[in-house]
C-alpha atoms as a PDB file:
ATOM      1  CA  MET A   1       0.000   0.000   0.000  1.00  0.00           C
ATOM      2  CA  GLU A   2       1.185   3.520  -0.792  1.00  0.00           C
ATOM      3  CA  VAL A   3       0.242   6.493   1.399  1.00  0.00           C
ATOM      4  CA  LYS A   4       1.048   9.980   0.129  1.00  0.00           C
ATOM      5  CA  LEU A   5       0.970  12.976   2.466  1.00  0.00           C
ATOM      6  CA  THR A   6       1.306  16.526   1.150  1.00  0.00           C
ATOM      7  CA  ALA A   7       2.381  19.296   3.517  1.00  0.00           C
ATOM      8  CA  PRO A   8       0.666  22.687   3.008  1.00  0.00           C
ATOM      9  CA  SER A   9       2.574  25.561   1.426  1.00  0.00           C
ATOM     10  CA  ASN A  10       2.153  27.894   4.416  1.00  0.00           C
ATOM     11  CA  PHE A  11       2.636  25.426   7.280  1.00  0.00           C
ATOM     12  CA  LYS A  12       1.882  27.457  10.402  1.00  0.00           C
ATOM     13  CA  ARG A  13      -1.297  26.185  12.099  1.00  0.00           C
ATOM     14  CA  ILE A  14      -1.796  23.173  14.361  1.00  0.00           C
ATOM     15  CA  LYS A  15      -4.876  22.080  12.361  1.00  0.00           C
ATOM     16  CA  GLN A  16      -2.658  21.711   9.284  1.00  0.00           C
ATOM     17  CA  LEU A  17      -1.054  18.646  10.853  1.00  0.00           C
ATOM     18  CA  ASP A  18      -4.156  16.920   9.483  1.00  0.00           C
ATOM     19  CA  SER A  19      -2.223  16.864   6.204  1.00  0.00           C
ATOM     20  CA  LEU A  20       0.135  14.316   7.817  1.00  0.00           C
ATOM     21  CA  TYR A  21      -2.631  11.956   8.924  1.00  0.00           C
ATOM     22  CA  VAL A  22      -1.866   8.305   8.129  1.00  0.00           C
ATOM     23  CA  PRO A  23      -4.993   6.099   8.019  1.00  0.00           C
ATOM     24  CA  ARG A  24      -4.697   2.793   9.886  1.00  0.00           C
ATOM     25  CA  ILE A  25      -1.097   3.571  10.783  1.00  0.00           C
ATOM     26  CA  GLN A  26      -0.801   0.476  12.997  1.00  0.00           C
ATOM     27  CA  ARG A  27      -1.385  -1.811  10.011  1.00  0.00           C
ATOM     28  CA  LEU A  28       1.586  -0.528   8.029  1.00  0.00           C
ATOM     29  CA  SER A  29       4.555  -2.831   7.473  1.00  0.00           C
ATOM     30  CA  PRO A  30       7.851  -2.895   5.537  1.00  0.00           C
ATOM     31  CA  LEU A  31       5.793  -3.833   2.460  1.00  0.00           C
ATOM     32  CA  ASP A  32       4.120  -0.406   2.499  1.00  0.00           C
ATOM     33  CA  GLN A  33       5.396   3.001   1.440  1.00  0.00           C
ATOM     34  CA  VAL A  34       4.743   6.400   3.010  1.00  0.00           C
ATOM     35  CA  ILE A  35       5.563   9.415   0.842  1.00  0.00           C
ATOM     36  CA  ILE A  36       5.832  12.749   2.660  1.00  0.00           C
ATOM     37  CA  ASP A  37       5.756  15.526   0.087  1.00  0.00           C
ATOM     38  CA  LEU A  38       7.357  18.750   1.340  1.00  0.00           C
ATOM     39  CA  SER A  39       7.854  20.183  -2.148  1.00  0.00           C
ATOM     40  CA  LYS A  40       5.254  22.964  -1.964  1.00  0.00           C
ATOM     41  CA  ILE A  41       6.296  24.404   1.410  1.00  0.00           C
ATOM     42  CA  THR A  42       7.161  28.103   1.196  1.00  0.00           C
ATOM     43  CA  PHE A  43       7.043  28.775   4.959  1.00  0.00           C
ATOM     44  CA  ILE A  44       7.029  26.448   7.948  1.00  0.00           C
ATOM     45  CA  LYS A  45       6.759  27.129  11.672  1.00  0.00           C
ATOM     46  CA  PRO A  46       8.355  25.014  14.429  1.00  0.00           C
ATOM     47  CA  LEU A  47       5.102  23.118  15.028  1.00  0.00           C
ATOM     48  CA  GLY A  48       5.194  21.870  11.430  1.00  0.00           C
ATOM     49  CA  VAL A  49       8.835  20.822  11.642  1.00  0.00           C
ATOM     50  CA  ILE A  50       8.353  19.014  14.954  1.00  0.00           C
ATOM     51  CA  GLY A  51       5.157  17.427  13.626  1.00  0.00           C
ATOM     52  CA  ILE A  52       7.011  15.944  10.645  1.00  0.00           C
ATOM     53  CA  LEU A  53       9.755  14.507  12.861  1.00  0.00           C
ATOM     54  CA  THR A  54       7.229  13.126  15.350  1.00  0.00           C
ATOM     55  CA  LEU A  55       5.302  11.341  12.605  1.00  0.00           C
ATOM     56  CA  ILE A  56       8.459   9.850  11.102  1.00  0.00           C
ATOM     57  CA  GLU A  57       9.637   8.622  14.489  1.00  0.00           C
ATOM     58  CA  ARG A  58       6.258   6.948  15.018  1.00  0.00           C
ATOM     59  CA  LEU A  59       6.581   5.216  11.646  1.00  0.00           C
ATOM     60  CA  THR A  60       9.964   3.812  12.689  1.00  0.00           C
ATOM     61  CA  GLN A  61       8.419   2.199  15.784  1.00  0.00           C
ATOM     62  CA  LEU A  62       5.431   0.344  14.306  1.00  0.00           C
ATOM     63  CA  GLU A  63       4.829  -3.151  15.624  1.00  0.00           C
ATOM     64  CA  ASN A  64       4.828  -4.708  12.146  1.00  0.00           C
ATOM     65  CA  GLY A  65       8.070  -2.987  11.210  1.00  0.00           C
ATOM     66  CA  MET A  66       9.008   0.308   9.594  1.00  0.00           C
ATOM     67  CA  PRO A  67       7.453   1.059   6.196  1.00  0.00           C
ATOM     68  CA  ASN A  68       9.528   2.531   3.397  1.00  0.00           C
ATOM     69  CA  ILE A  69       9.601   6.304   3.984  1.00  0.00           C
ATOM     70  CA  GLU A  70      10.218   8.715   1.122  1.00  0.00           C
ATOM     71  CA  LEU A  71      10.555  12.454   1.676  1.00  0.00           C
ATOM     72  CA  ILE A  72      10.176  14.808  -1.263  1.00  0.00           C
ATOM     73  CA  CYS A  73      12.419  17.831  -0.739  1.00  0.00           C
ATOM     74  CA  PRO A  74      11.015  21.387  -0.676  1.00  0.00           C
ATOM     75  CA  GLU A  75      11.404  23.208  -3.986  1.00  0.00           C
ATOM     76  CA  ASN A  76      11.848  26.551  -2.247  1.00  0.00           C
ATOM     77  CA  LYS A  77      15.570  27.158  -1.649  1.00  0.00           C
ATOM     78  CA  GLU A  78      14.946  29.407   1.351  1.00  0.00           C
ATOM     79  CA  VAL A  79      12.935  26.651   3.034  1.00  0.00           C
ATOM     80  CA  ILE A  80      15.747  24.155   2.430  1.00  0.00           C
ATOM     81  CA  ASP A  81      18.239  26.670   3.811  1.00  0.00           C
ATOM     82  CA  TYR A  82      16.049  27.173   6.890  1.00  0.00           C
ATOM     83  CA  LEU A  83      15.758  23.415   7.500  1.00  0.00           C
ATOM     84  CA  VAL A  84      19.533  23.069   7.275  1.00  0.00           C
ATOM     85  CA  LYS A  85      20.153  25.922   9.722  1.00  0.00           C
ATOM     86  CA  ILE A  86      17.743  24.576  12.359  1.00  0.00           C
ATOM     87  CA  ASP A  87      19.390  21.111  12.139  1.00  0.00           C
ATOM     88  CA  PHE A  88      16.386  19.381  10.578  1.00  0.00           C
ATOM     89  CA  ILE A  89      18.691  17.360   8.334  1.00  0.00           C
ATOM     90  CA  ASN A  90      20.733  16.028  11.262  1.00  0.00           C
ATOM     91  CA  ALA A  91      17.603  15.169  13.250  1.00  0.00           C
ATOM     92  CA  LEU A  92      16.133  13.372  10.260  1.00  0.00           C
ATOM     93  CA  GLU A  93      19.260  11.275   9.750  1.00  0.00           C
ATOM     94  CA  THR A  94      18.695   9.666  13.152  1.00  0.00           C
ATOM     95  CA  LEU A  95      15.316   8.380  11.918  1.00  0.00           C
ATOM     96  CA  CYS A  96      15.479   7.599   8.203  1.00  0.00           C
ATOM     97  CA  ASP A  97      17.366   8.195   4.957  1.00  0.00           C
ATOM     98  CA  TRP A  98      16.762  11.315   2.879  1.00  0.00           C
ATOM     99  CA  ASP A  99      18.395  12.049  -0.440  1.00  0.00           C
ATOM    100  CA  ILE A 100      19.340  15.674   0.040  1.00  0.00           C
ATOM    101  CA  PRO A 101      20.122  17.651  -3.136  1.00  0.00           C
ATOM    102  CA  ASP A 102      23.854  18.127  -3.664  1.00  0.00           C
ATOM    103  CA  ASP A 103      23.398  21.696  -4.841  1.00  0.00           C
ATOM    104  CA  ILE A 104      21.933  23.151  -1.637  1.00  0.00           C
ATOM    105  CA  GLU A 105      22.792  26.848  -1.462  1.00  0.00           C
ATOM    106  CA  VAL A 106      23.454  28.301   1.966  1.00  0.00           C
ATOM    107  CA  ILE A 107      21.740  31.659   1.915  1.00  0.00           C
ATOM    108  CA  GLY A 108      23.566  34.405   3.764  1.00  0.00           C
ATOM    109  CA  LYS A 109      20.591  35.444   5.880  1.00  0.00           C
ATOM    110  CA  LYS A 110      21.555  35.166   9.547  1.00  0.00           C
ATOM    111  CA  LEU A 111      19.621  32.596  11.521  1.00  0.00           C
ATOM    112  CA  LYS A 112      20.480  31.309  14.967  1.00  0.00           C
ATOM    113  CA  PRO A 113      17.708  29.315  16.640  1.00  0.00           C
ATOM    114  CA  VAL A 114      17.238  29.788  20.362  1.00  0.00           C
ATOM    115  CA  ILE A 115      17.290  25.986  20.405  1.00  0.00           C
ATOM    116  CA  PRO A 116      17.932  24.189  17.097  1.00  0.00           C
ATOM    117  CA  ILE A 117      16.062  20.911  16.651  1.00  0.00           C
ATOM    118  CA  THR A 118      17.313  18.793  19.517  1.00  0.00           C
ATOM    119  CA  ARG A 119      16.299  15.389  20.758  1.00  0.00           C
ATOM    120  CA  PHE A 120      15.875  14.748  24.487  1.00  0.00           C
ATOM    121  CA  SER A 121      15.471  11.335  26.109  1.00  0.00           C
ATOM    122  CA  ASP A 122      15.811  11.906  29.849  1.00  0.00           C
ATOM    123  CA  ALA A 123      16.094  14.504  32.599  1.00  0.00           C
ATOM    124  CA  ASN A 124      19.806  14.960  31.932  1.00  0.00           C
ATOM    125  CA  ASP A 125      19.158  15.872  28.292  1.00  0.00           C
ATOM    126  CA  ILE A 126      16.444  18.308  29.353  1.00  0.00           C
ATOM    127  CA  GLU A 127      18.821  20.063  31.754  1.00  0.00           C
ATOM    128  CA  ILE A 128      21.588  20.305  29.141  1.00  0.00           C
ATOM    129  CA  ILE A 129      19.219  21.887  26.614  1.00  0.00           C
ATOM    130  CA  ALA A 130      17.873  24.287  29.264  1.00  0.00           C
ATOM    131  CA  ASN A 131      21.439  25.379  30.038  1.00  0.00           C
ATOM    132  CA  GLN A 132      22.080  25.955  26.332  1.00  0.00           C
ATOM    133  CA  MET A 133      18.948  28.095  26.180  1.00  0.00           C
ATOM    134  CA  GLN A 134      20.186  30.130  29.140  1.00  0.00           C
ATOM    135  CA  GLU A 135      23.530  30.688  27.417  1.00  0.00           C
ATOM    136  CA  ILE A 136      21.794  31.939  24.263  1.00  0.00           C
ATOM    137  CA  PHE A 137      19.722  34.416  26.282  1.00  0.00           C
ATOM    138  CA  HIS A 138      22.854  35.700  28.018  1.00  0.00           C
ATOM    139  CA  THR A 139      24.790  36.173  24.769  1.00  0.00           C
ATOM    140  CA  GLU A 140      22.720  36.353  21.571  1.00  0.00           C
ATOM    141  CA  LEU A 141      19.440  37.540  23.132  1.00  0.00           C
ATOM    142  CA  MET A 142      20.637  39.824  25.918  1.00  0.00           C
ATOM    143  CA  GLY A 143      17.850  42.321  25.232  1.00  0.00           C
ATOM    144  CA  LEU A 144      15.256  39.622  25.902  1.00  0.00           C
ATOM    145  CA  SER A 145      16.575  38.421  29.253  1.00  0.00           C
ATOM    146  CA  THR A 146      13.165  38.930  30.892  1.00  0.00           C
ATOM    147  CA  LEU A 147      11.803  36.146  28.664  1.00  0.00           C
ATOM    148  CA  LEU A 148      14.310  33.557  29.882  1.00  0.00           C
ATOM    149  CA  GLN A 149      12.133  32.562  32.847  1.00  0.00           C
ATOM    150  CA  PRO A 150       8.920  31.862  30.900  1.00  0.00           C
ATOM    151  CA  CYS A 151      10.797  30.150  28.064  1.00  0.00           C
ATOM    152  CA  HIS A 152      12.740  27.985  30.513  1.00  0.00           C
ATOM    153  CA  VAL A 153       9.584  26.915  32.364  1.00  0.00           C
ATOM    154  CA  VAL A 154       7.633  26.271  29.158  1.00  0.00           C
ATOM    155  CA  TYR A 155      10.333  24.123  27.576  1.00  0.00           C
ATOM    156  CA  SER A 156      11.265  22.221  30.755  1.00  0.00           C
ATOM    157  CA  GLU A 157       7.696  21.340  31.756  1.00  0.00           C
ATOM    158  CA  LEU A 158       6.712  20.243  28.250  1.00  0.00           C
ATOM    159  CA  ALA A 159       9.845  18.115  27.876  1.00  0.00           C
ATOM    160  CA  ILE A 160       9.460  16.522  31.326  1.00  0.00           C
ATOM    161  CA  ASN A 161       5.872  15.661  30.440  1.00  0.00           C
ATOM    162  CA  ALA A 162       7.051  13.858  27.311  1.00  0.00           C
ATOM    163  CA  VAL A 163       9.712  11.888  29.190  1.00  0.00           C
ATOM    164  CA  GLU A 164       7.701  10.977  32.293  1.00  0.00           C
ATOM    165  CA  HIS A 165       4.144  10.494  31.043  1.00  0.00           C
ATOM    166  CA  ALA A 166       4.075   9.773  27.309  1.00  0.00           C
ATOM    167  CA  ASN A 167       5.480   6.221  27.309  1.00  0.00           C
ATOM    168  CA  SER A 168       7.839   7.497  24.631  1.00  0.00           C
ATOM    169  CA  ASN A 169      11.588   7.509  24.131  1.00  0.00           C
ATOM    170  CA  GLY A 170      11.638  11.261  24.578  1.00  0.00           C
ATOM    171  CA  GLY A 171      10.926  13.909  21.980  1.00  0.00           C
ATOM    172  CA  PHE A 172      12.125  16.888  19.960  1.00  0.00           C
ATOM    173  CA  VAL A 173      12.257  20.612  20.682  1.00  0.00           C
ATOM    174  CA  LEU A 174      12.736  23.632  18.440  1.00  0.00           C
ATOM    175  CA  ALA A 175      12.722  27.251  19.641  1.00  0.00           C
ATOM    176  CA  GLN A 176      12.973  30.083  17.150  1.00  0.00           C
ATOM    177  CA  GLN A 177      12.679  33.859  17.096  1.00  0.00           C
ATOM    178  CA  PHE A 178      10.592  35.229  14.225  1.00  0.00           C
ATOM    179  CA  GLU A 179      10.260  38.782  12.932  1.00  0.00           C
ATOM    180  CA  TYR A 180       6.733  39.764  11.898  1.00  0.00           C
ATOM    181  CA  HIS A 181       5.298  43.066  10.692  1.00  0.00           C
ATOM    182  CA  ASP A 182       3.863  43.679  14.169  1.00  0.00           C
ATOM    183  CA  GLY A 183       6.954  42.687  16.136  1.00  0.00           C
ATOM    184  CA  SER A 184       9.261  39.865  17.138  1.00  0.00           C
ATOM    185  CA  ARG A 185       8.093  36.609  18.739  1.00  0.00           C
ATOM    186  CA  LEU A 186       9.677  33.577  20.328  1.00  0.00           C
ATOM    187  CA  GLU A 187       8.048  30.304  19.345  1.00  0.00           C
ATOM    188  CA  ILE A 188       8.740  26.997  21.086  1.00  0.00           C
ATOM    189  CA  SER A 189       7.520  23.609  19.872  1.00  0.00           C
ATOM    190  CA  VAL A 190       7.920  20.307  21.711  1.00  0.00           C
ATOM    191  CA  GLY A 191       6.666  16.986  20.384  1.00  0.00           C
ATOM    192  CA  ASP A 192       6.748  13.284  21.183  1.00  0.00           C
ATOM    193  CA  CYS A 193       5.240  10.207  19.515  1.00  0.00           C
ATOM    194  CA  GLY A 194       4.004   8.625  22.742  1.00  0.00           C
ATOM    195  CA  ILE A 195       0.535   7.518  23.786  1.00  0.00           C
ATOM    196  CA  GLY A 196      -0.979  10.992  24.071  1.00  0.00           C
ATOM    197  CA  ILE A 197      -2.543  12.897  26.952  1.00  0.00           C
ATOM    198  CA  HIS A 198      -5.864  11.030  27.157  1.00  0.00           C
ATOM    199  CA  LYS A 199      -4.322   7.545  27.137  1.00  0.00           C
ATOM    200  CA  SER A 200      -1.704   8.643  29.652  1.00  0.00           C
ATOM    201  CA  LEU A 201      -4.378   9.818  32.088  1.00  0.00           C
ATOM    202  CA  LYS A 202      -6.306   6.559  31.674  1.00  0.00           C
ATOM    203  CA  GLN A 203      -3.334   4.701  33.173  1.00  0.00           C
ATOM    204  CA  ASN A 204      -4.593   6.123  36.460  1.00  0.00           C
ATOM    205  CA  LYS A 205      -7.578   3.954  37.423  1.00  0.00           C
ATOM    206  CA  ILE A 206      -9.344   6.975  38.887  1.00  0.00           C
ATOM    207  CA  MET A 207      -9.305   8.643  35.466  1.00  0.00           C
ATOM    208  CA  LYS A 208     -10.806   5.781  33.448  1.00  0.00           C
ATOM    209  CA  GLY A 209     -14.062   6.875  31.836  1.00  0.00           C
ATOM    210  CA  LYS A 210     -13.656  10.419  33.169  1.00  0.00           C
ATOM    211  CA  PHE A 211     -13.205  12.077  29.780  1.00  0.00           C
ATOM    212  CA  LYS A 212     -15.344  11.633  26.682  1.00  0.00           C
ATOM    213  CA  SER A 213     -12.783  12.999  24.236  1.00  0.00           C
ATOM    214  CA  ASP A 214      -9.149  13.955  23.759  1.00  0.00           C
ATOM    215  CA  ARG A 215     -10.168  17.614  23.800  1.00  0.00           C
ATOM    216  CA  GLU A 216     -11.784  17.220  27.198  1.00  0.00           C
ATOM    217  CA  ALA A 217      -8.708  15.446  28.564  1.00  0.00           C
ATOM    218  CA  ILE A 218      -6.389  18.187  27.292  1.00  0.00           C
ATOM    219  CA  MET A 219      -8.556  20.943  28.776  1.00  0.00           C
ATOM    220  CA  SER A 220      -8.674  19.185  32.144  1.00  0.00           C
ATOM    221  CA  THR A 221      -4.884  18.851  32.417  1.00  0.00           C
ATOM    222  CA  LEU A 222      -4.579  22.618  32.100  1.00  0.00           C
ATOM    223  CA  SER A 223      -6.460  22.973  35.390  1.00  0.00           C
ATOM    224  CA  GLY A 224      -3.765  21.015  37.235  1.00  0.00           C
ATOM    225  CA  GLY A 225      -3.778  18.040  39.583  1.00  0.00           C
ATOM    226  CA  LEU A 226      -4.429  15.357  36.943  1.00  0.00           C
ATOM    227  CA  SER A 227      -1.804  12.716  36.236  1.00  0.00           C
ATOM    228  CA  ARG A 228      -1.399   9.080  35.257  1.00  0.00           C
ATOM    229  CA  ILE A 229       0.101   8.747  38.755  1.00  0.00           C
ATOM    230  CA  ASN A 230      -2.390   8.832  41.627  1.00  0.00           C
ATOM    231  CA  ASP A 231      -0.605  11.503  43.643  1.00  0.00           C
ATOM    232  CA  PRO A 232      -2.239  14.821  44.663  1.00  0.00           C
ATOM    233  CA  HIS A 233       1.094  16.595  44.199  1.00  0.00           C
ATOM    234  CA  ARG A 234       1.540  15.490  40.568  1.00  0.00           C
ATOM    235  CA  GLY A 235      -0.079  16.607  37.342  1.00  0.00           C
ATOM    236  CA  TYR A 236       0.740  20.315  37.352  1.00  0.00           C
ATOM    237  CA  GLY A 237       3.189  20.487  34.419  1.00  0.00           C
ATOM    238  CA  LEU A 238       0.791  21.762  31.748  1.00  0.00           C
ATOM    239  CA  TYR A 239      -0.937  23.930  34.334  1.00  0.00           C
ATOM    240  CA  TRP A 240       2.358  25.706  35.062  1.00  0.00           C
ATOM    241  CA  VAL A 241       2.992  26.165  31.342  1.00  0.00           C
ATOM    242  CA  LYS A 242      -0.396  27.880  31.028  1.00  0.00           C
ATOM    243  CA  GLU A 243       0.206  29.984  34.153  1.00  0.00           C
ATOM    244  CA  GLU A 244       3.646  31.062  32.938  1.00  0.00           C
ATOM    245  CA  LEU A 245       1.993  32.791  29.997  1.00  0.00           C
ATOM    246  CA  GLY A 246       0.273  35.050  32.540  1.00  0.00           C
ATOM    247  CA  ASP A 247      -1.853  37.959  31.352  1.00  0.00           C
ATOM    248  CA  SER A 248       0.676  39.372  28.907  1.00  0.00           C
ATOM    249  CA  PRO A 249      -1.086  40.085  25.605  1.00  0.00           C
ATOM    250  CA  ASN A 250      -0.690  37.938  22.488  1.00  0.00           C
ATOM    251  CA  ARG A 251       0.871  34.955  24.229  1.00  0.00           C
ATOM    252  CA  SER A 252      -0.558  31.570  23.296  1.00  0.00           C
ATOM    253  CA  LEU A 253      -0.364  27.864  24.089  1.00  0.00           C
ATOM    254  CA  THR A 254      -1.496  25.180  21.646  1.00  0.00           C
ATOM    255  CA  LEU A 255      -1.738  21.486  22.509  1.00  0.00           C
ATOM    256  CA  ARG A 256      -2.624  18.742  20.043  1.00  0.00           C
ATOM    257  CA  SER A 257      -3.009  15.128  21.138  1.00  0.00           C
ATOM    258  CA  GLY A 258      -4.996  12.227  19.735  1.00  0.00           C
ATOM    259  CA  ASN A 259      -7.876  13.645  17.701  1.00  0.00           C
ATOM    260  CA  GLY A 260      -8.251  16.939  19.515  1.00  0.00           C
ATOM    261  CA  TYR A 261      -6.475  20.240  20.064  1.00  0.00           C
ATOM    262  CA  VAL A 262      -6.788  23.216  22.391  1.00  0.00           C
ATOM    263  CA  ILE A 263      -5.576  26.786  21.836  1.00  0.00           C
ATOM    264  CA  ILE A 264      -5.288  29.307  24.653  1.00  0.00           C
ATOM    265  CA  TYR A 265      -4.691  32.990  23.928  1.00  0.00           C
ATOM    266  CA  THR A 266      -3.994  35.089  27.009  1.00  0.00           C
ATOM    267  CA  GLY A 267      -7.059  37.083  27.946  1.00  0.00           C
ATOM    268  CA  ASN A 268      -9.427  34.851  25.980  1.00  0.00           C
ATOM    269  CA  ARG A 269     -11.380  31.668  26.622  1.00  0.00           C
ATOM    270  CA  PRO A 270      -9.716  28.452  25.400  1.00  0.00           C
ATOM    271  CA  TYR A 271     -10.708  27.213  21.965  1.00  0.00           C
ATOM    272  CA  SER A 272     -10.896  23.482  21.292  1.00  0.00           C
ATOM    273  CA  ALA A 273     -11.696  21.450  18.194  1.00  0.00           C
ATOM    274  CA  LYS A 274     -11.623  17.947  16.828  1.00  0.00           C
ATOM    275  CA  CYS A 275      -8.982  16.952  14.301  1.00  0.00           C
ATOM    276  CA  LYS A 276      -7.550  13.884  12.636  1.00  0.00           C
ATOM    277  CA  SER A 277      -5.635  11.539  14.911  1.00  0.00           C
ATOM    278  CA  PHE A 278      -1.928  12.304  15.231  1.00  0.00           C
ATOM    279  CA  PRO A 279       0.788  10.399  17.113  1.00  0.00           C
ATOM    280  CA  GLY A 280       1.680  11.553  20.608  1.00  0.00           C
ATOM    281  CA  THR A 281       1.464  15.192  21.649  1.00  0.00           C
ATOM    282  CA  ILE A 282       2.544  18.419  19.961  1.00  0.00           C
ATOM    283  CA  ALA A 283       2.822  21.620  22.015  1.00  0.00           C
ATOM    284  CA  HIS A 284       3.447  25.087  20.603  1.00  0.00           C
ATOM    285  CA  VAL A 285       3.961  28.288  22.592  1.00  0.00           C
ATOM    286  CA  VAL A 286       4.204  31.848  21.267  1.00  0.00           C
ATOM    287  CA  ILE A 287       5.693  34.663  23.381  1.00  0.00           C
ATOM    288  CA  PRO A 288       5.991  38.199  21.917  1.00  0.00           C
ATOM    289  CA  CYS A 289       9.364  39.839  22.502  1.00  0.00           C
ATOM    290  CA  GLY A 290       8.032  43.358  22.921  1.00  0.00           C
END
């Protein structure tokens, strides 16, 4: 069987991960082929990059064996240049083969991610990456030192969640500063290909049957005190991520897990919607620099 997935040209919204939906993913085997077409991408945010890596990692771990994975390279040279500079190529090489064009042009535009794509597997990895983030804020981003605290908390809590509760082998993180017409923003994406928030909570007997949907489970974790471990002092990771955003305008937190996602904009009520099922959990946080 051949499955072809086509990434959108302007890959910037969590709902667009629907384009990477693989039907009956558990049934795939080495006899099948999954084609991931990135050719039309002209712009991609961290959530799209992390989503692609998360899907590929899930495909490498299927019970029946890894299907043949083919990636079609972006046609846009600036997109290729961006993927090279954020270490997408190196991250991909740990998962599967990709025939990268020999004539890649490194465009002179300066780009230094706050955290390039980095894999974490345990608490030690998380601490090392957090220290690297701190170093960047103290050198390259000295004018944004007040954002170190929220960025540190957001990354650390999301990564710890992936390691401790997702039944995964860890995950990926990418943090990047973007310049928009209305100002600069820091965007952090963390993803894992684990069991997802709802299934994780159901490991706690008290939680079985408590939630009717993935959306409901995600929303509930943001209130704090819910965990796969029956301990009143656990289950506050995502709550602290939400609280760290505070009341500052234009900050946002997006969580996608299973077939649901939730978006929280500071000062507004959370928005939730159903979507196509996606492996594990993808989190995306936006923090304006102004």
